[in-house]
PDB file of N, CA and C in Angstrom:
ATOM      1  N   MET A   1     -50.576 -31.610  20.941  1.00  0.00           N
ATOM      2  CA  MET A   1     -51.630 -31.806  19.957  1.00  0.00           C
ATOM      3  C   MET A   1     -52.214 -30.429  19.607  1.00  0.00           C
ATOM      4  N   THR A   2     -52.345 -30.165  18.326  1.00  0.00           N
ATOM      5  CA  THR A   2     -52.897 -28.891  17.877  1.00  0.00           C
ATOM      6  C   THR A   2     -54.410 -28.865  18.067  1.00  0.00           C
ATOM      7  N   LEU A   3     -54.993 -27.655  18.022  1.00  0.00           N
ATOM      8  CA  LEU A   3     -56.449 -27.530  18.120  1.00  0.00           C
ATOM      9  C   LEU A   3     -57.125 -28.313  17.007  1.00  0.00           C
ATOM     10  N   GLU A   4     -56.585 -28.243  15.810  1.00  0.00           N
ATOM     11  CA  GLU A   4     -57.163 -28.967  14.672  1.00  0.00           C
ATOM     12  C   GLU A   4     -57.148 -30.475  14.924  1.00  0.00           C
ATOM     13  N   GLU A   5     -56.048 -31.000  15.483  1.00  0.00           N
ATOM     14  CA  GLU A   5     -55.977 -32.429  15.799  1.00  0.00           C
ATOM     15  C   GLU A   5     -56.988 -32.808  16.880  1.00  0.00           C
ATOM     16  N   THR A   6     -57.168 -31.937  17.869  1.00  0.00           N
ATOM     17  CA  THR A   6     -58.151 -32.179  18.920  1.00  0.00           C
ATOM     18  C   THR A   6     -59.544 -32.224  18.332  1.00  0.00           C
ATOM     19  N   TRP A   7     -59.865 -31.248  17.469  1.00  0.00           N
ATOM     20  CA  TRP A   7     -61.183 -31.222  16.828  1.00  0.00           C
ATOM     21  C   TRP A   7     -61.437 -32.520  16.086  1.00  0.00           C
ATOM     22  N   ASN A   8     -60.471 -32.935  15.251  1.00  0.00           N
ATOM     23  CA  ASN A   8     -60.664 -34.129  14.429  1.00  0.00           C
ATOM     24  C   ASN A   8     -60.809 -35.380  15.289  1.00  0.00           C
ATOM     25  N   LYS A   9     -60.102 -35.434  16.406  1.00  0.00           N
ATOM     26  CA  LYS A   9     -60.186 -36.598  17.292  1.00  0.00           C
ATOM     27  C   LYS A   9     -61.586 -36.711  17.909  1.00  0.00           C
ATOM     28  N   GLU A  10     -62.207 -35.567  18.227  1.00  0.00           N
ATOM     29  CA  GLU A  10     -63.496 -35.556  18.913  1.00  0.00           C
ATOM     30  C   GLU A  10     -64.688 -35.670  17.971  1.00  0.00           C
ATOM     31  N   LEU A  11     -64.486 -35.531  16.682  1.00  0.00           N
ATOM     32  CA  LEU A  11     -65.600 -35.494  15.745  1.00  0.00           C
ATOM     33  C   LEU A  11     -66.119 -36.882  15.408  1.00  0.00           C
ATOM     34  N   SER A  12     -67.430 -36.976  15.298  1.00  0.00           N
ATOM     35  CA  SER A  12     -68.041 -38.202  14.805  1.00  0.00           C
ATOM     36  C   SER A  12     -67.718 -38.311  13.317  1.00  0.00           C
ATOM     37  N   PRO A  13     -67.865 -39.491  12.729  1.00  0.00           N
ATOM     38  CA  PRO A  13     -67.592 -39.616  11.296  1.00  0.00           C
ATOM     39  C   PRO A  13     -68.430 -38.656  10.444  1.00  0.00           C
ATOM     40  N   MET A  14     -69.719 -38.468  10.779  1.00  0.00           N
ATOM     41  CA  MET A  14     -70.559 -37.559  10.003  1.00  0.00           C
ATOM     42  C   MET A  14     -70.078 -36.112  10.152  1.00  0.00           C
ATOM     43  N   ALA A  15     -69.740 -35.710  11.378  1.00  0.00           N
ATOM     44  CA  ALA A  15     -69.264 -34.351  11.611  1.00  0.00           C
ATOM     45  C   ALA A  15     -67.922 -34.124  10.923  1.00  0.00           C
ATOM     46  N   ARG A  16     -67.047 -35.122  10.963  1.00  0.00           N
ATOM     47  CA  ARG A  16     -65.745 -35.001  10.300  1.00  0.00           C
ATOM     48  C   ARG A  16     -65.931 -34.860   8.794  1.00  0.00           C
ATOM     49  N   MET A  17     -66.852 -35.627   8.226  1.00  0.00           N
ATOM     50  CA  MET A  17     -67.119 -35.550   6.790  1.00  0.00           C
ATOM     51  C   MET A  17     -67.649 -34.156   6.426  1.00  0.00           C
ATOM     52  N   TRP A  18     -68.614 -33.634   7.218  1.00  0.00           N
ATOM     53  CA  TRP A  18     -69.144 -32.301   6.946  1.00  0.00           C
ATOM     54  C   TRP A  18     -68.038 -31.261   7.046  1.00  0.00           C
ATOM     55  N   LYS A  19     -67.226 -31.325   8.111  1.00  0.00           N
ATOM     56  CA  LYS A  19     -66.166 -30.348   8.331  1.00  0.00           C
ATOM     57  C   LYS A  19     -65.190 -30.334   7.162  1.00  0.00           C
ATOM     58  N   GLU A  20     -64.781 -31.497   6.688  1.00  0.00           N
ATOM     59  CA  GLU A  20     -63.848 -31.565   5.565  1.00  0.00           C
ATOM     60  C   GLU A  20     -64.465 -30.994   4.291  1.00  0.00           C
ATOM     61  N   GLU A  21     -65.730 -31.323   4.048  1.00  0.00           N
ATOM     62  CA  GLU A  21     -66.406 -30.798   2.854  1.00  0.00           C
ATOM     63  C   GLU A  21     -66.565 -29.283   2.965  1.00  0.00           C
ATOM     64  N   TYR A  22     -66.945 -28.792   4.144  1.00  0.00           N
ATOM     65  CA  TYR A  22     -67.126 -27.362   4.357  1.00  0.00           C
ATOM     66  C   TYR A  22     -65.813 -26.611   4.158  1.00  0.00           C
ATOM     67  N   GLU A  23     -64.733 -27.114   4.740  1.00  0.00           N
ATOM     68  CA  GLU A  23     -63.436 -26.450   4.603  1.00  0.00           C
ATOM     69  C   GLU A  23     -62.992 -26.427   3.150  1.00  0.00           C
ATOM     70  N   HIS A  24     -63.203 -27.524   2.443  1.00  0.00           N
ATOM     71  CA  HIS A  24     -62.861 -27.562   1.019  1.00  0.00           C
ATOM     72  C   HIS A  24     -63.695 -26.531   0.253  1.00  0.00           C
ATOM     73  N   ALA A  25     -64.988 -26.497   0.524  1.00  0.00           N
ATOM     74  CA  ALA A  25     -65.874 -25.557  -0.176  1.00  0.00           C
ATOM     75  C   ALA A  25     -65.549 -24.118   0.173  1.00  0.00           C
ATOM     76  N   SER A  26     -65.315 -23.835   1.450  1.00  0.00           N
ATOM     77  CA  SER A  26     -65.087 -22.452   1.863  1.00  0.00           C
ATOM     78  C   SER A  26     -63.747 -21.910   1.366  1.00  0.00           C
ATOM     79  N   ASP A  27     -62.841 -22.777   0.950  1.00  0.00           N
ATOM     80  CA  ASP A  27     -61.566 -22.339   0.386  1.00  0.00           C
ATOM     81  C   ASP A  27     -61.661 -21.984  -1.098  1.00  0.00           C
ATOM     82  N   ARG A  28     -62.787 -22.290  -1.726  1.00  0.00           N
ATOM     83  CA  ARG A  28     -62.946 -21.984  -3.153  1.00  0.00           C
ATOM     84  C   ARG A  28     -62.888 -20.483  -3.385  1.00  0.00           C
ATOM     85  N   SER A  29     -62.464 -20.105  -4.566  1.00  0.00           N
ATOM     86  CA  SER A  29     -62.323 -18.686  -4.904  1.00  0.00           C
ATOM     87  C   SER A  29     -63.636 -17.922  -4.804  1.00  0.00           C
ATOM     88  N   GLU A  30     -64.756 -18.589  -5.033  1.00  0.00           N
ATOM     89  CA  GLU A  30     -66.049 -17.897  -4.965  1.00  0.00           C
ATOM     90  C   GLU A  30     -66.376 -17.422  -3.559  1.00  0.00           C
ATOM     91  N   TYR A  31     -65.695 -17.953  -2.546  1.00  0.00           N
ATOM     92  CA  TYR A  31     -65.915 -17.543  -1.162  1.00  0.00           C
ATOM     93  C   TYR A  31     -64.704 -16.812  -0.582  1.00  0.00           C
ATOM     94  N   ALA A  32     -63.785 -16.393  -1.437  1.00  0.00           N
ATOM     95  CA  ALA A  32     -62.530 -15.789  -0.985  1.00  0.00           C
ATOM     96  C   ALA A  32     -62.735 -14.469  -0.240  1.00  0.00           C
ATOM     97  N   ASN A  33     -63.812 -13.754  -0.546  1.00  0.00           N
ATOM     98  CA  ASN A  33     -63.999 -12.461   0.118  1.00  0.00           C
ATOM     99  C   ASN A  33     -64.696 -12.572   1.473  1.00  0.00           C
ATOM    100  N   ILE A  34     -65.088 -13.774   1.881  1.00  0.00           N
ATOM    101  CA  ILE A  34     -65.676 -13.963   3.207  1.00  0.00           C
ATOM    102  C   ILE A  34     -64.533 -13.959   4.224  1.00  0.00           C
ATOM    103  N   PRO A  35     -64.630 -13.117   5.258  1.00  0.00           N
ATOM    104  CA  PRO A  35     -63.568 -13.124   6.272  1.00  0.00           C
ATOM    105  C   PRO A  35     -63.399 -14.499   6.902  1.00  0.00           C
ATOM    106  N   GLU A  36     -62.148 -14.884   7.152  1.00  0.00           N
ATOM    107  CA  GLU A  36     -61.866 -16.196   7.752  1.00  0.00           C
ATOM    108  C   GLU A  36     -62.568 -16.345   9.094  1.00  0.00           C
ATOM    109  N   ARG A  37     -62.645 -15.264   9.871  1.00  0.00           N
ATOM    110  CA  ARG A  37     -63.312 -15.336  11.176  1.00  0.00           C
ATOM    111  C   ARG A  37     -64.786 -15.700  11.012  1.00  0.00           C
ATOM    112  N   THR A  38     -65.404 -15.247   9.925  1.00  0.00           N
ATOM    113  CA  THR A  38     -66.808 -15.562   9.664  1.00  0.00           C
ATOM    114  C   THR A  38     -66.945 -17.030   9.282  1.00  0.00           C
ATOM    115  N   LYS A  39     -66.064 -17.520   8.421  1.00  0.00           N
ATOM    116  CA  LYS A  39     -66.090 -18.940   8.057  1.00  0.00           C
ATOM    117  C   LYS A  39     -65.887 -19.823   9.280  1.00  0.00           C
ATOM    118  N   ASP A  40     -64.944 -19.435  10.146  1.00  0.00           N
ATOM    119  CA  ASP A  40     -64.677 -20.223  11.354  1.00  0.00           C
ATOM    120  C   ASP A  40     -65.865 -20.207  12.308  1.00  0.00           C
ATOM    121  N   THR A  41     -66.535 -19.066  12.408  1.00  0.00           N
ATOM    122  CA  THR A  41     -67.696 -18.961  13.293  1.00  0.00           C
ATOM    123  C   THR A  41     -68.846 -19.826  12.789  1.00  0.00           C
ATOM    124  N   ILE A  42     -69.054 -19.847  11.480  1.00  0.00           N
ATOM    125  CA  ILE A  42     -70.089 -20.712  10.897  1.00  0.00           C
ATOM    126  C   ILE A  42     -69.755 -22.178  11.188  1.00  0.00           C
ATOM    127  N   LYS A  43     -68.499 -22.546  10.997  1.00  0.00           N
ATOM    128  CA  LYS A  43     -68.072 -23.930  11.257  1.00  0.00           C
ATOM    129  C   LYS A  43     -68.305 -24.301  12.719  1.00  0.00           C
ATOM    130  N   SER A  44     -67.979 -23.417  13.637  1.00  0.00           N
ATOM    131  CA  SER A  44     -68.180 -23.679  15.057  1.00  0.00           C
ATOM    132  C   SER A  44     -69.659 -23.794  15.402  1.00  0.00           C
ATOM    133  N   PHE A  45     -70.497 -22.976  14.761  1.00  0.00           N
ATOM    134  CA  PHE A  45     -71.944 -23.049  14.989  1.00  0.00           C
ATOM    135  C   PHE A  45     -72.487 -24.396  14.517  1.00  0.00           C
ATOM    136  N   VAL A  46     -72.085 -24.816  13.328  1.00  0.00           N
ATOM    137  CA  VAL A  46     -72.605 -26.080  12.792  1.00  0.00           C
ATOM    138  C   VAL A  46     -72.125 -27.262  13.628  1.00  0.00           C
ATOM    139  N   LEU A  47     -70.855 -27.297  13.966  1.00  0.00           N
ATOM    140  CA  LEU A  47     -70.318 -28.441  14.696  1.00  0.00           C
ATOM    141  C   LEU A  47     -70.762 -28.477  16.152  1.00  0.00           C
ATOM    142  N   TYR A  48     -70.717 -27.335  16.840  1.00  0.00           N
ATOM    143  CA  TYR A  48     -70.916 -27.303  18.285  1.00  0.00           C
ATOM    144  C   TYR A  48     -72.158 -26.544  18.743  1.00  0.00           C
ATOM    145  N   GLY A  49     -72.870 -25.896  17.816  1.00  0.00           N
ATOM    146  CA  GLY A  49     -74.026 -25.109  18.199  1.00  0.00           C
ATOM    147  C   GLY A  49     -73.662 -23.858  18.970  1.00  0.00           C
ATOM    148  N   ARG A  50     -72.461 -23.327  18.726  1.00  0.00           N
ATOM    149  CA  ARG A  50     -72.020 -22.111  19.409  1.00  0.00           C
ATOM    150  C   ARG A  50     -72.543 -20.893  18.657  1.00  0.00           C
ATOM    151  N   PRO A  51     -73.226 -19.984  19.360  1.00  0.00           N
ATOM    152  CA  PRO A  51     -73.713 -18.774  18.687  1.00  0.00           C
ATOM    153  C   PRO A  51     -72.531 -17.910  18.243  1.00  0.00           C
ATOM    154  N   GLY A  52     -72.742 -17.161  17.192  1.00  0.00           N
ATOM    155  CA  GLY A  52     -71.637 -16.391  16.637  1.00  0.00           C
ATOM    156  C   GLY A  52     -71.862 -14.902  16.588  1.00  0.00           C
ATOM    157  N   GLY A  53     -72.730 -14.386  17.370  1.00  0.00           N
ATOM    158  CA  GLY A  53     -72.976 -12.955  17.370  1.00  0.00           C
ATOM    159  C   GLY A  53     -74.223 -12.593  16.586  1.00  0.00           C
ATOM    160  N   SER A  54     -74.630 -11.359  16.741  1.00  0.00           N
ATOM    161  CA  SER A  54     -75.904 -10.898  16.178  1.00  0.00           C
ATOM    162  C   SER A  54     -75.953 -10.942  14.659  1.00  0.00           C
ATOM    163  N   PHE A  55     -74.844 -10.605  13.997  1.00  0.00           N
ATOM    164  CA  PHE A  55     -74.828 -10.615  12.535  1.00  0.00           C
ATOM    165  C   PHE A  55     -75.095 -12.018  11.994  1.00  0.00           C
ATOM    166  N   LEU A  56     -74.306 -12.999  12.437  1.00  0.00           N
ATOM    167  CA  LEU A  56     -74.501 -14.363  11.926  1.00  0.00           C
ATOM    168  C   LEU A  56     -75.819 -14.956  12.391  1.00  0.00           C
ATOM    169  N   GLU A  57     -76.270 -14.598  13.565  1.00  0.00           N
ATOM    170  CA  GLU A  57     -77.581 -15.030  14.014  1.00  0.00           C
ATOM    171  C   GLU A  57     -78.643 -14.572  13.012  1.00  0.00           C
ATOM    172  N   ALA A  58     -78.559 -13.324  12.596  1.00  0.00           N
ATOM    173  CA  ALA A  58     -79.525 -12.793  11.622  1.00  0.00           C
ATOM    174  C   ALA A  58     -79.424 -13.525  10.292  1.00  0.00           C
ATOM    175  N   VAL A  59     -78.209 -13.797   9.836  1.00  0.00           N
ATOM    176  CA  VAL A  59     -78.030 -14.535   8.584  1.00  0.00           C
ATOM    177  C   VAL A  59     -78.662 -15.912   8.698  1.00  0.00           C
ATOM    178  N   LEU A  60     -78.362 -16.623   9.772  1.00  0.00           N
ATOM    179  CA  LEU A  60     -78.846 -17.993   9.941  1.00  0.00           C
ATOM    180  C   LEU A  60     -80.347 -18.067  10.174  1.00  0.00           C
ATOM    181  N   MET A  61     -80.927 -16.970  10.656  1.00  0.00           N
ATOM    182  CA  MET A  61     -82.385 -16.907  10.821  1.00  0.00           C
ATOM    183  C   MET A  61     -83.068 -16.396   9.559  1.00  0.00           C
ATOM    184  N   ASN A  62     -82.277 -16.139   8.525  1.00  0.00           N
ATOM    185  CA  ASN A  62     -82.794 -15.655   7.249  1.00  0.00           C
ATOM    186  C   ASN A  62     -83.413 -14.254   7.381  1.00  0.00           C
ATOM    187  N   ASP A  63     -82.871 -13.448   8.286  1.00  0.00           N
ATOM    188  CA  ASP A  63     -83.301 -12.068   8.481  1.00  0.00           C
ATOM    189  C   ASP A  63     -82.233 -11.158   7.862  1.00  0.00           C
ATOM    190  N   LEU A  64     -82.277 -11.072   6.537  1.00  0.00           N
ATOM    191  CA  LEU A  64     -81.199 -10.379   5.835  1.00  0.00           C
ATOM    192  C   LEU A  64     -81.247  -8.863   6.003  1.00  0.00           C
ATOM    193  N   PHE A  65     -82.413  -8.286   6.269  1.00  0.00           N
ATOM    194  CA  PHE A  65     -82.474  -6.855   6.577  1.00  0.00           C
ATOM    195  C   PHE A  65     -81.682  -6.570   7.852  1.00  0.00           C
ATOM    196  N   ARG A  66     -81.905  -7.379   8.865  1.00  0.00           N
ATOM    197  CA  ARG A  66     -81.179  -7.219  10.134  1.00  0.00           C
ATOM    198  C   ARG A  66     -79.694  -7.517   9.957  1.00  0.00           C
ATOM    199  N   ALA A  67     -79.375  -8.519   9.151  1.00  0.00           N
ATOM    200  CA  ALA A  67     -77.969  -8.844   8.896  1.00  0.00           C
ATOM    201  C   ALA A  67     -77.245  -7.663   8.265  1.00  0.00           C
ATOM    202  N   MET A  68     -77.870  -7.014   7.301  1.00  0.00           N
ATOM    203  CA  MET A  68     -77.242  -5.839   6.672  1.00  0.00           C
ATOM    204  C   MET A  68     -77.029  -4.726   7.686  1.00  0.00           C
ATOM    205  N   ALA A  69     -77.977  -4.540   8.580  1.00  0.00           N
ATOM    206  CA  ALA A  69     -77.856  -3.483   9.582  1.00  0.00           C
ATOM    207  C   ALA A  69     -76.745  -3.772  10.591  1.00  0.00           C
ATOM    208  N   LEU A  70     -76.466  -5.048  10.854  1.00  0.00           N
ATOM    209  CA  LEU A  70     -75.500  -5.434  11.879  1.00  0.00           C
ATOM    210  C   LEU A  70     -74.102  -5.725  11.338  1.00  0.00           C
ATOM    211  N   ALA A  71     -73.975  -5.910  10.040  1.00  0.00           N
ATOM    212  CA  ALA A  71     -72.703  -6.335   9.450  1.00  0.00           C
ATOM    213  C   ALA A  71     -71.641  -5.245   9.519  1.00  0.00           C
ATOM    214  N   ASP A  72     -70.390  -5.666   9.768  1.00  0.00           N
ATOM    215  CA  ASP A  72     -69.274  -4.740   9.588  1.00  0.00           C
ATOM    216  C   ASP A  72     -69.016  -4.628   8.089  1.00  0.00           C
ATOM    217  N   GLU A  73     -68.103  -3.785   7.685  1.00  0.00           N
ATOM    218  CA  GLU A  73     -67.889  -3.544   6.256  1.00  0.00           C
ATOM    219  C   GLU A  73     -67.474  -4.802   5.494  1.00  0.00           C
ATOM    220  N   GLU A  74     -66.577  -5.596   6.070  1.00  0.00           N
ATOM    221  CA  GLU A  74     -66.134  -6.823   5.390  1.00  0.00           C
ATOM    222  C   GLU A  74     -67.289  -7.796   5.164  1.00  0.00           C
ATOM    223  N   ASN A  75     -68.082  -8.014   6.200  1.00  0.00           N
ATOM    224  CA  ASN A  75     -69.199  -8.949   6.082  1.00  0.00           C
ATOM    225  C   ASN A  75     -70.316  -8.382   5.214  1.00  0.00           C
ATOM    226  N   LYS A  76     -70.486  -7.083   5.227  1.00  0.00           N
ATOM    227  CA  LYS A  76     -71.497  -6.465   4.361  1.00  0.00           C
ATOM    228  C   LYS A  76     -71.143  -6.713   2.894  1.00  0.00           C
ATOM    229  N   GLU A  77     -69.872  -6.535   2.550  1.00  0.00           N
ATOM    230  CA  GLU A  77     -69.420  -6.775   1.177  1.00  0.00           C
ATOM    231  C   GLU A  77     -69.531  -8.249   0.793  1.00  0.00           C
ATOM    232  N   ALA A  78     -69.423  -9.146   1.780  1.00  0.00           N
ATOM    233  CA  ALA A  78     -69.429 -10.583   1.511  1.00  0.00           C
ATOM    234  C   ALA A  78     -70.782 -11.236   1.757  1.00  0.00           C
ATOM    235  N   LEU A  79     -71.804 -10.469   2.100  1.00  0.00           N
ATOM    236  CA  LEU A  79     -73.068 -11.062   2.537  1.00  0.00           C
ATOM    237  C   LEU A  79     -73.660 -12.037   1.524  1.00  0.00           C
ATOM    238  N   GLU A  80     -73.667 -11.686   0.261  1.00  0.00           N
ATOM    239  CA  GLU A  80     -74.225 -12.599  -0.750  1.00  0.00           C
ATOM    240  C   GLU A  80     -73.481 -13.931  -0.737  1.00  0.00           C
ATOM    241  N   ASP A  81     -72.159 -13.883  -0.634  1.00  0.00           N
ATOM    242  CA  ASP A  81     -71.372 -15.119  -0.621  1.00  0.00           C
ATOM    243  C   ASP A  81     -71.546 -15.897   0.681  1.00  0.00           C
ATOM    244  N   ILE A  82     -71.735 -15.195   1.794  1.00  0.00           N
ATOM    245  CA  ILE A  82     -71.999 -15.862   3.069  1.00  0.00           C
ATOM    246  C   ILE A  82     -73.315 -16.637   2.971  1.00  0.00           C
ATOM    247  N   VAL A  83     -74.326 -16.004   2.401  1.00  0.00           N
ATOM    248  CA  VAL A  83     -75.622 -16.668   2.233  1.00  0.00           C
ATOM    249  C   VAL A  83     -75.475 -17.883   1.324  1.00  0.00           C
ATOM    250  N   LYS A  84     -74.726 -17.768   0.251  1.00  0.00           N
ATOM    251  CA  LYS A  84     -74.505 -18.904  -0.651  1.00  0.00           C
ATOM    252  C   LYS A  84     -73.768 -20.034   0.066  1.00  0.00           C
ATOM    253  N   LEU A  85     -72.767 -19.690   0.872  1.00  0.00           N
ATOM    254  CA  LEU A  85     -72.016 -20.704   1.614  1.00  0.00           C
ATOM    255  C   LEU A  85     -72.929 -21.453   2.584  1.00  0.00           C
ATOM    256  N   VAL A  86     -73.741 -20.715   3.319  1.00  0.00           N
ATOM    257  CA  VAL A  86     -74.673 -21.354   4.259  1.00  0.00           C
ATOM    258  C   VAL A  86     -75.674 -22.213   3.505  1.00  0.00           C
ATOM    259  N   TYR A  87     -76.271 -21.666   2.465  1.00  0.00           N
ATOM    260  CA  TYR A  87     -77.301 -22.381   1.700  1.00  0.00           C
ATOM    261  C   TYR A  87     -76.761 -23.671   1.080  1.00  0.00           C
ATOM    262  N   ASN A  88     -75.570 -23.586   0.508  1.00  0.00           N
ATOM    263  CA  ASN A  88     -75.025 -24.720  -0.243  1.00  0.00           C
ATOM    264  C   ASN A  88     -74.221 -25.714   0.592  1.00  0.00           C
ATOM    265  N   HIS A  89     -73.737 -25.299   1.771  1.00  0.00           N
ATOM    266  CA  HIS A  89     -72.779 -26.159   2.461  1.00  0.00           C
ATOM    267  C   HIS A  89     -73.052 -26.367   3.952  1.00  0.00           C
ATOM    268  N   CYS A  90     -74.149 -25.851   4.468  1.00  0.00           N
ATOM    269  CA  CYS A  90     -74.490 -26.074   5.873  1.00  0.00           C
ATOM    270  C   CYS A  90     -75.765 -26.910   5.959  1.00  0.00           C
ATOM    271  N   PRO A  91     -75.862 -27.767   6.970  1.00  0.00           N
ATOM    272  CA  PRO A  91     -77.070 -28.600   7.099  1.00  0.00           C
ATOM    273  C   PRO A  91     -78.326 -27.727   7.207  1.00  0.00           C
ATOM    274  N   SER A  92     -79.332 -28.045   6.437  1.00  0.00           N
ATOM    275  CA  SER A  92     -80.545 -27.216   6.416  1.00  0.00           C
ATOM    276  C   SER A  92     -81.254 -27.125   7.766  1.00  0.00           C
ATOM    277  N   PRO A  93     -81.153 -28.103   8.658  1.00  0.00           N
ATOM    278  CA  PRO A  93     -81.820 -27.929   9.957  1.00  0.00           C
ATOM    279  C   PRO A  93     -81.213 -26.831  10.832  1.00  0.00           C
ATOM    280  N   CYS A  94     -80.027 -26.309  10.493  1.00  0.00           N
ATOM    281  CA  CYS A  94     -79.387 -25.328  11.376  1.00  0.00           C
ATOM    282  C   CYS A  94     -79.672 -23.883  10.981  1.00  0.00           C
ATOM    283  N   TRP A  95     -80.369 -23.652   9.898  1.00  0.00           N
ATOM    284  CA  TRP A  95     -80.619 -22.275   9.461  1.00  0.00           C
ATOM    285  C   TRP A  95     -81.976 -22.191   8.771  1.00  0.00           C
ATOM    286  N   GLY A  96     -82.458 -20.975   8.575  1.00  0.00           N
ATOM    287  CA  GLY A  96     -83.690 -20.774   7.822  1.00  0.00           C
ATOM    288  C   GLY A  96     -84.722 -19.941   8.549  1.00  0.00           C
ATOM    289  N   ASN A  97     -84.819 -20.124   9.864  1.00  0.00           N
ATOM    290  CA  ASN A  97     -85.741 -19.307  10.649  1.00  0.00           C
ATOM    291  C   ASN A  97     -85.317 -19.373  12.114  1.00  0.00           C
ATOM    292  N   ASN A  98     -85.986 -18.574  12.916  1.00  0.00           N
ATOM    293  CA  ASN A  98     -85.653 -18.483  14.334  1.00  0.00           C
ATOM    294  C   ASN A  98     -85.758 -19.836  15.028  1.00  0.00           C
ATOM    295  N   GLY A  99     -86.820 -20.574  14.743  1.00  0.00           N
ATOM    296  CA  GLY A  99     -87.018 -21.871  15.382  1.00  0.00           C
ATOM    297  C   GLY A  99     -85.910 -22.852  15.098  1.00  0.00           C
ATOM    298  N   GLN A 100     -85.514 -22.962  13.837  1.00  0.00           N
ATOM    299  CA  GLN A 100     -84.438 -23.889  13.466  1.00  0.00           C
ATOM    300  C   GLN A 100     -83.115 -23.480  14.108  1.00  0.00           C
ATOM    301  N   TYR A 101     -82.841 -22.181  14.102  1.00  0.00           N
ATOM    302  CA  TYR A 101     -81.611 -21.678  14.718  1.00  0.00           C
ATOM    303  C   TYR A 101     -81.582 -22.028  16.210  1.00  0.00           C
ATOM    304  N   GLU A 102     -82.675 -21.739  16.911  1.00  0.00           N
ATOM    305  CA  GLU A 102     -82.748 -22.010  18.356  1.00  0.00           C
ATOM    306  C   GLU A 102     -82.643 -23.504  18.653  1.00  0.00           C
ATOM    307  N   GLU A 103     -83.286 -24.338  17.845  1.00  0.00           N
ATOM    308  CA  GLU A 103     -83.198 -25.791  18.037  1.00  0.00           C
ATOM    309  C   GLU A 103     -81.765 -26.278  17.857  1.00  0.00           C
ATOM    310  N   TRP A 104     -81.056 -25.714  16.866  1.00  0.00           N
ATOM    311  CA  TRP A 104     -79.676 -26.114  16.613  1.00  0.00           C
ATOM    312  C   TRP A 104     -78.793 -25.746  17.800  1.00  0.00           C
ATOM    313  N   LEU A 105     -79.021 -24.549  18.354  1.00  0.00           N
ATOM    314  CA  LEU A 105     -78.268 -24.142  19.554  1.00  0.00           C
ATOM    315  C   LEU A 105     -78.523 -25.105  20.696  1.00  0.00           C
ATOM    316  N   ALA A 106     -79.803 -25.406  20.927  1.00  0.00           N
ATOM    317  CA  ALA A 106     -80.176 -26.281  22.040  1.00  0.00           C
ATOM    318  C   ALA A 106     -79.614 -27.692  21.848  1.00  0.00           C
ATOM    319  N   LYS A 107     -79.560 -28.149  20.618  1.00  0.00           N
ATOM    320  CA  LYS A 107     -79.045 -29.490  20.313  1.00  0.00           C
ATOM    321  C   LYS A 107     -77.541 -29.573  20.513  1.00  0.00           C
ATOM    322  N   GLY A 108     -76.847 -28.449  20.342  1.00  0.00           N
ATOM    323  CA  GLY A 108     -75.390 -28.443  20.453  1.00  0.00           C
ATOM    324  C   GLY A 108     -74.707 -28.768  19.147  1.00  0.00           C
ATOM    325  N   GLY A 109     -75.354 -28.462  18.014  1.00  0.00           N
ATOM    326  CA  GLY A 109     -74.751 -28.684  16.704  1.00  0.00           C
ATOM    327  C   GLY A 109     -74.690 -30.147  16.312  1.00  0.00           C
ATOM    328  N   LEU A 110     -73.868 -30.461  15.341  1.00  0.00           N
ATOM    329  CA  LEU A 110     -73.720 -31.842  14.888  1.00  0.00           C
ATOM    330  C   LEU A 110     -73.216 -32.763  15.989  1.00  0.00           C
ATOM    331  N   LEU A 111     -72.480 -32.203  16.927  1.00  0.00           N
ATOM    332  CA  LEU A 111     -71.899 -33.027  17.982  1.00  0.00           C
ATOM    333  C   LEU A 111     -72.748 -33.085  19.235  1.00  0.00           C
ATOM    334  N   GLY A 112     -73.913 -32.429  19.219  1.00  0.00           N
ATOM    335  CA  GLY A 112     -74.774 -32.382  20.403  1.00  0.00           C
ATOM    336  C   GLY A 112     -75.478 -33.684  20.678  1.00  0.00           C
TER     337      GLY A 112
END
């Protein structure tokens, strides 16, 4: 069984629906410059509440000054699109400020 098959088997219907919508959205050309590792890390954070490093933590806490300071070159170039992807396609309780981010971690994401 592949990792993808394992993920789909373990997902609740709501989490599976979000994951499919997110993957469809993140494949759009408007998000093509976002590194795949960044898209995967966002997906893992939303589904499982797994932290993704200081850069994405700053993005999800809406601390864009800190995000710019921490971003590698690829993510720095894609920051506007990363913010759009999170804003338009991630559940609002998982991002926006430190409190929401910490609560999402503690909850364990959609599957917590």
